[in-house]
Amino acid sequence: MTEESMLRRTAWLQSGCNAFNSKKPKSKPMSFWTEQDVLEYIKRYDLPIASVYGEVVTRGADGNLYGSTLCDGCGKLCTTGCHRTGCVYCAFGAYEEKGEGRFQRLKRTHPRQYEYCMDGGAYDSDGFWKPAGGGLGMAHCIDEINKVFGKDFIKY
């Protein structure tokens, strides 16, 4: 969405939603929607969303979450679960999370995927840590990062 970065906004201003005549033709039909547009659409048409997002509710100016009957239109819409998902195994930005981290949530909500993510891994003949043994080996990677930046820098 164009609201997410100046680069995306600039690209949209140059080509709009469809860039069919460029070197790499693209169609970006959601580019001009804002996050609030998407959440309002979901709420207005009572669309089902993935359970990891929770419910679409309103966050009032006081920071509290309200169902539509209490505070419809008095604040910004948000979800009670994940804000974004992306790749479930990605650790990018995980150190910035407050409260329950993505890997802790993965362990609670999807234990088999959590085990695959954390278990396994081995050093190859060149000394590089790589997925092996039925898992990605992220626990080792996170442990090494936590050794440098402190216990629970990334929580899992």
C-alpha atoms as a PDB file:
ATOM      1  CA  MET A   1       0.000   0.000   0.000  1.00  0.00           C
ATOM      2  CA  THR A   2       1.251   3.473  -0.809  1.00  0.00           C
ATOM      3  CA  GLU A   3       0.845   4.668   2.790  1.00  0.00           C
ATOM      4  CA  GLU A   4       3.551   2.210   3.895  1.00  0.00           C
ATOM      5  CA  SER A   5       6.532   3.950   2.306  1.00  0.00           C
ATOM      6  CA  MET A   6       7.594   6.916   0.224  1.00  0.00           C
ATOM      7  CA  LEU A   7       9.069   4.529  -2.375  1.00  0.00           C
ATOM      8  CA  ARG A   8       5.695   2.806  -2.870  1.00  0.00           C
ATOM      9  CA  ARG A   9       3.916   6.151  -3.018  1.00  0.00           C
ATOM     10  CA  THR A  10       6.341   7.461  -5.639  1.00  0.00           C
ATOM     11  CA  ALA A  11       5.979   4.273  -7.716  1.00  0.00           C
ATOM     12  CA  TRP A  12       2.198   4.530  -7.573  1.00  0.00           C
ATOM     13  CA  LEU A  13       2.263   8.201  -8.590  1.00  0.00           C
ATOM     14  CA  GLN A  14       4.382   7.249 -11.612  1.00  0.00           C
ATOM     15  CA  SER A  15       2.387   4.241 -12.824  1.00  0.00           C
ATOM     16  CA  GLY A  16      -0.859   4.017 -10.884  1.00  0.00           C
ATOM     17  CA  CYS A  17      -2.327   0.633 -10.065  1.00  0.00           C
ATOM     18  CA  ASN A  18      -1.280  -0.980 -13.329  1.00  0.00           C
ATOM     19  CA  ALA A  19       2.140  -0.737 -14.945  1.00  0.00           C
ATOM     20  CA  PHE A  20       1.618  -2.947 -17.958  1.00  0.00           C
ATOM     21  CA  ASN A  21       4.029  -1.104 -20.266  1.00  0.00           C
ATOM     22  CA  SER A  22       7.049  -1.246 -17.957  1.00  0.00           C
ATOM     23  CA  LYS A  23      10.003  -3.659 -18.155  1.00  0.00           C
ATOM     24  CA  LYS A  24       8.375  -5.731 -15.436  1.00  0.00           C
ATOM     25  CA  PRO A  25       4.599  -5.366 -15.827  1.00  0.00           C
ATOM     26  CA  LYS A  26       2.782  -5.179 -12.492  1.00  0.00           C
ATOM     27  CA  SER A  27      -0.712  -4.787 -11.179  1.00  0.00           C
ATOM     28  CA  LYS A  28      -1.136  -3.420  -7.653  1.00  0.00           C
ATOM     29  CA  PRO A  29      -4.886  -3.146  -7.110  1.00  0.00           C
ATOM     30  CA  MET A  30      -4.600  -2.502  -3.360  1.00  0.00           C
ATOM     31  CA  SER A  31      -1.956   0.191  -3.669  1.00  0.00           C
ATOM     32  CA  PHE A  32      -4.229   3.179  -3.023  1.00  0.00           C
ATOM     33  CA  TRP A  33      -6.094   1.551  -0.126  1.00  0.00           C
ATOM     34  CA  THR A  34      -5.056   2.470   3.393  1.00  0.00           C
ATOM     35  CA  GLU A  35      -4.970   0.030   6.295  1.00  0.00           C
ATOM     36  CA  GLN A  36      -8.066   1.780   7.667  1.00  0.00           C
ATOM     37  CA  ASP A  37      -9.851   1.262   4.307  1.00  0.00           C
ATOM     38  CA  VAL A  38      -9.136  -2.468   4.457  1.00  0.00           C
ATOM     39  CA  LEU A  39     -10.253  -2.852   8.075  1.00  0.00           C
ATOM     40  CA  GLU A  40     -13.400  -0.787   7.481  1.00  0.00           C
ATOM     41  CA  TYR A  41     -14.271  -2.938   4.445  1.00  0.00           C
ATOM     42  CA  ILE A  42     -13.786  -6.132   6.462  1.00  0.00           C
ATOM     43  CA  LYS A  43     -15.967  -4.786   9.252  1.00  0.00           C
ATOM     44  CA  ARG A  44     -18.668  -3.274   7.034  1.00  0.00           C
ATOM     45  CA  TYR A  45     -19.172  -6.449   5.011  1.00  0.00           C
ATOM     46  CA  ASP A  46     -18.544  -8.812   7.937  1.00  0.00           C
ATOM     47  CA  LEU A  47     -15.801 -10.646   6.044  1.00  0.00           C
ATOM     48  CA  PRO A  48     -14.045 -13.587   7.673  1.00  0.00           C
ATOM     49  CA  ILE A  49     -10.332 -13.086   8.352  1.00  0.00           C
ATOM     50  CA  ALA A  50      -7.627 -15.531   9.434  1.00  0.00           C
ATOM     51  CA  SER A  51      -7.837 -16.330  13.152  1.00  0.00           C
ATOM     52  CA  VAL A  52      -4.305 -15.034  13.829  1.00  0.00           C
ATOM     53  CA  TYR A  53      -5.581 -11.480  13.244  1.00  0.00           C
ATOM     54  CA  GLY A  54      -8.269 -11.806  15.913  1.00  0.00           C
ATOM     55  CA  GLU A  55     -11.181  -9.371  15.539  1.00  0.00           C
ATOM     56  CA  VAL A  56     -11.418  -5.950  13.932  1.00  0.00           C
ATOM     57  CA  VAL A  57     -12.171  -3.465  16.722  1.00  0.00           C
ATOM     58  CA  THR A  58     -11.795   0.240  17.419  1.00  0.00           C
ATOM     59  CA  ARG A  59      -8.907   1.623  19.452  1.00  0.00           C
ATOM     60  CA  GLY A  60     -10.171   4.741  21.165  1.00  0.00           C
ATOM     61  CA  ALA A  61      -8.102   7.834  21.913  1.00  0.00           C
ATOM     62  CA  ASP A  62      -7.678   6.413  25.426  1.00  0.00           C
ATOM     63  CA  GLY A  63      -5.882   3.368  23.985  1.00  0.00           C
ATOM     64  CA  ASN A  64      -8.663   0.967  24.965  1.00  0.00           C
ATOM     65  CA  LEU A  65     -10.234  -1.446  22.488  1.00  0.00           C
ATOM     66  CA  TYR A  66     -13.953  -1.124  21.817  1.00  0.00           C
ATOM     67  CA  GLY A  67     -16.450  -3.258  19.955  1.00  0.00           C
ATOM     68  CA  SER A  68     -18.501  -1.438  17.339  1.00  0.00           C
ATOM     69  CA  THR A  69     -21.473  -0.988  19.659  1.00  0.00           C
ATOM     70  CA  LEU A  70     -19.454   1.024  22.194  1.00  0.00           C
ATOM     71  CA  CYS A  71     -17.248   3.286  20.155  1.00  0.00           C
ATOM     72  CA  ASP A  72     -18.039   3.032  16.456  1.00  0.00           C
ATOM     73  CA  GLY A  73     -16.101   5.702  14.606  1.00  0.00           C
ATOM     74  CA  CYS A  74     -14.424   7.240  17.669  1.00  0.00           C
ATOM     75  CA  GLY A  75     -10.928   5.968  16.937  1.00  0.00           C
ATOM     76  CA  LYS A  76      -8.809   3.894  14.599  1.00  0.00           C
ATOM     77  CA  LEU A  77      -9.670   0.363  13.591  1.00  0.00           C
ATOM     78  CA  CYS A  78      -7.175  -2.353  14.494  1.00  0.00           C
ATOM     79  CA  THR A  79      -7.022  -6.093  15.008  1.00  0.00           C
ATOM     80  CA  THR A  80      -6.866  -7.809  18.386  1.00  0.00           C
ATOM     81  CA  GLY A  81      -4.335 -10.394  17.162  1.00  0.00           C
ATOM     82  CA  CYS A  82      -1.454 -10.060  14.726  1.00  0.00           C
ATOM     83  CA  HIS A  83      -1.085  -6.749  12.946  1.00  0.00           C
ATOM     84  CA  ARG A  84       0.756  -8.325  10.007  1.00  0.00           C
ATOM     85  CA  THR A  85       1.903 -11.838   9.400  1.00  0.00           C
ATOM     86  CA  GLY A  86       4.391 -12.059   6.550  1.00  0.00           C
ATOM     87  CA  CYS A  87       6.555 -15.170   6.664  1.00  0.00           C
ATOM     88  CA  VAL A  88       5.805 -17.039   9.868  1.00  0.00           C
ATOM     89  CA  TYR A  89       9.493 -17.954  10.321  1.00  0.00           C
ATOM     90  CA  CYS A  90      10.983 -14.499   9.704  1.00  0.00           C
ATOM     91  CA  ALA A  91      12.848 -12.916  12.608  1.00  0.00           C
ATOM     92  CA  PHE A  92      13.143  -9.476  11.007  1.00  0.00           C
ATOM     93  CA  GLY A  93      12.224  -6.911  13.674  1.00  0.00           C
ATOM     94  CA  ALA A  94      11.494  -9.560  16.318  1.00  0.00           C
ATOM     95  CA  TYR A  95      13.730  -7.764  18.823  1.00  0.00           C
ATOM     96  CA  GLU A  96      11.336  -4.773  18.807  1.00  0.00           C
ATOM     97  CA  GLU A  97       8.300  -6.739  19.983  1.00  0.00           C
ATOM     98  CA  LYS A  98       6.809  -5.918  23.348  1.00  0.00           C
ATOM     99  CA  GLY A  99       4.900  -8.527  25.332  1.00  0.00           C
ATOM    100  CA  GLU A 100       4.388 -11.880  23.654  1.00  0.00           C
ATOM    101  CA  GLY A 101       6.760 -12.182  20.709  1.00  0.00           C
ATOM    102  CA  ARG A 102       5.957 -13.783  17.354  1.00  0.00           C
ATOM    103  CA  PHE A 103       7.842 -16.987  18.148  1.00  0.00           C
ATOM    104  CA  GLN A 104       6.188 -17.318  21.557  1.00  0.00           C
ATOM    105  CA  ARG A 105       2.807 -16.831  19.858  1.00  0.00           C
ATOM    106  CA  LEU A 106       3.748 -19.385  17.183  1.00  0.00           C
ATOM    107  CA  LYS A 107       4.603 -21.887  19.939  1.00  0.00           C
ATOM    108  CA  ARG A 108       1.208 -21.327  21.553  1.00  0.00           C
ATOM    109  CA  THR A 109      -0.928 -21.282  18.407  1.00  0.00           C
ATOM    110  CA  HIS A 110       0.922 -23.603  15.995  1.00  0.00           C
ATOM    111  CA  PRO A 111       3.234 -25.923  17.970  1.00  0.00           C
ATOM    112  CA  ARG A 112       4.213 -28.132  15.014  1.00  0.00           C
ATOM    113  CA  GLN A 113       5.322 -25.156  12.915  1.00  0.00           C
ATOM    114  CA  TYR A 114       7.172 -23.802  15.956  1.00  0.00           C
ATOM    115  CA  GLU A 115       9.069 -27.096  16.366  1.00  0.00           C
ATOM    116  CA  TYR A 116      10.009 -27.083  12.668  1.00  0.00           C
ATOM    117  CA  CYS A 117      11.210 -23.506  12.975  1.00  0.00           C
ATOM    118  CA  MET A 118      13.294 -23.977  16.122  1.00  0.00           C
ATOM    119  CA  ASP A 119      14.532 -27.573  15.842  1.00  0.00           C
ATOM    120  CA  GLY A 120      17.164 -28.981  13.514  1.00  0.00           C
ATOM    121  CA  GLY A 121      19.950 -27.110  11.814  1.00  0.00           C
ATOM    122  CA  ALA A 122      23.626 -27.965  11.561  1.00  0.00           C
ATOM    123  CA  TYR A 123      26.926 -26.458  10.495  1.00  0.00           C
ATOM    124  CA  ASP A 124      27.974 -27.430   6.989  1.00  0.00           C
ATOM    125  CA  SER A 125      31.548 -28.252   5.934  1.00  0.00           C
ATOM    126  CA  ASP A 126      32.263 -24.540   5.380  1.00  0.00           C
ATOM    127  CA  GLY A 127      31.119 -23.635   8.889  1.00  0.00           C
ATOM    128  CA  PHE A 128      27.762 -22.106   7.914  1.00  0.00           C
ATOM    129  CA  TRP A 129      24.653 -22.865   9.963  1.00  0.00           C
ATOM    130  CA  LYS A 130      21.939 -24.259   7.684  1.00  0.00           C
ATOM    131  CA  PRO A 131      18.551 -25.953   7.992  1.00  0.00           C
ATOM    132  CA  ALA A 132      18.989 -29.687   8.491  1.00  0.00           C
ATOM    133  CA  GLY A 133      17.535 -32.607  10.376  1.00  0.00           C
ATOM    134  CA  GLY A 134      13.911 -31.759   9.725  1.00  0.00           C
ATOM    135  CA  GLY A 135      14.002 -28.158  10.904  1.00  0.00           C
ATOM    136  CA  LEU A 136      15.255 -24.669  10.249  1.00  0.00           C
ATOM    137  CA  GLY A 137      17.389 -24.460  13.387  1.00  0.00           C
ATOM    138  CA  MET A 138      16.267 -20.963  14.355  1.00  0.00           C
ATOM    139  CA  ALA A 139      16.705 -21.653  18.091  1.00  0.00           C
ATOM    140  CA  HIS A 140      20.478 -21.829  17.575  1.00  0.00           C
ATOM    141  CA  CYS A 141      20.466 -18.608  15.546  1.00  0.00           C
ATOM    142  CA  ILE A 142      18.395 -16.760  18.145  1.00  0.00           C
ATOM    143  CA  ASP A 143      20.587 -18.104  20.964  1.00  0.00           C
ATOM    144  CA  GLU A 144      23.676 -16.729  19.214  1.00  0.00           C
ATOM    145  CA  ILE A 145      22.027 -13.325  18.754  1.00  0.00           C
ATOM    146  CA  ASN A 146      20.897 -13.309  22.392  1.00  0.00           C
ATOM    147  CA  LYS A 147      24.492 -14.024  23.492  1.00  0.00           C
ATOM    148  CA  VAL A 148      25.535 -10.757  21.874  1.00  0.00           C
ATOM    149  CA  PHE A 149      22.573  -8.525  22.719  1.00  0.00           C
ATOM    150  CA  GLY A 150      21.340 -10.043  25.980  1.00  0.00           C
ATOM    151  CA  LYS A 151      18.967 -12.707  27.217  1.00  0.00           C
ATOM    152  CA  ASP A 152      15.525 -12.423  25.619  1.00  0.00           C
ATOM    153  CA  PHE A 153      16.650  -9.857  23.030  1.00  0.00           C
ATOM    154  CA  ILE A 154      14.571 -12.109  20.788  1.00  0.00           C
ATOM    155  CA  LYS A 155      12.063 -14.164  22.757  1.00  0.00           C
ATOM    156  CA  TYR A 156      11.103 -17.666  21.755  1.00  0.00           C
END
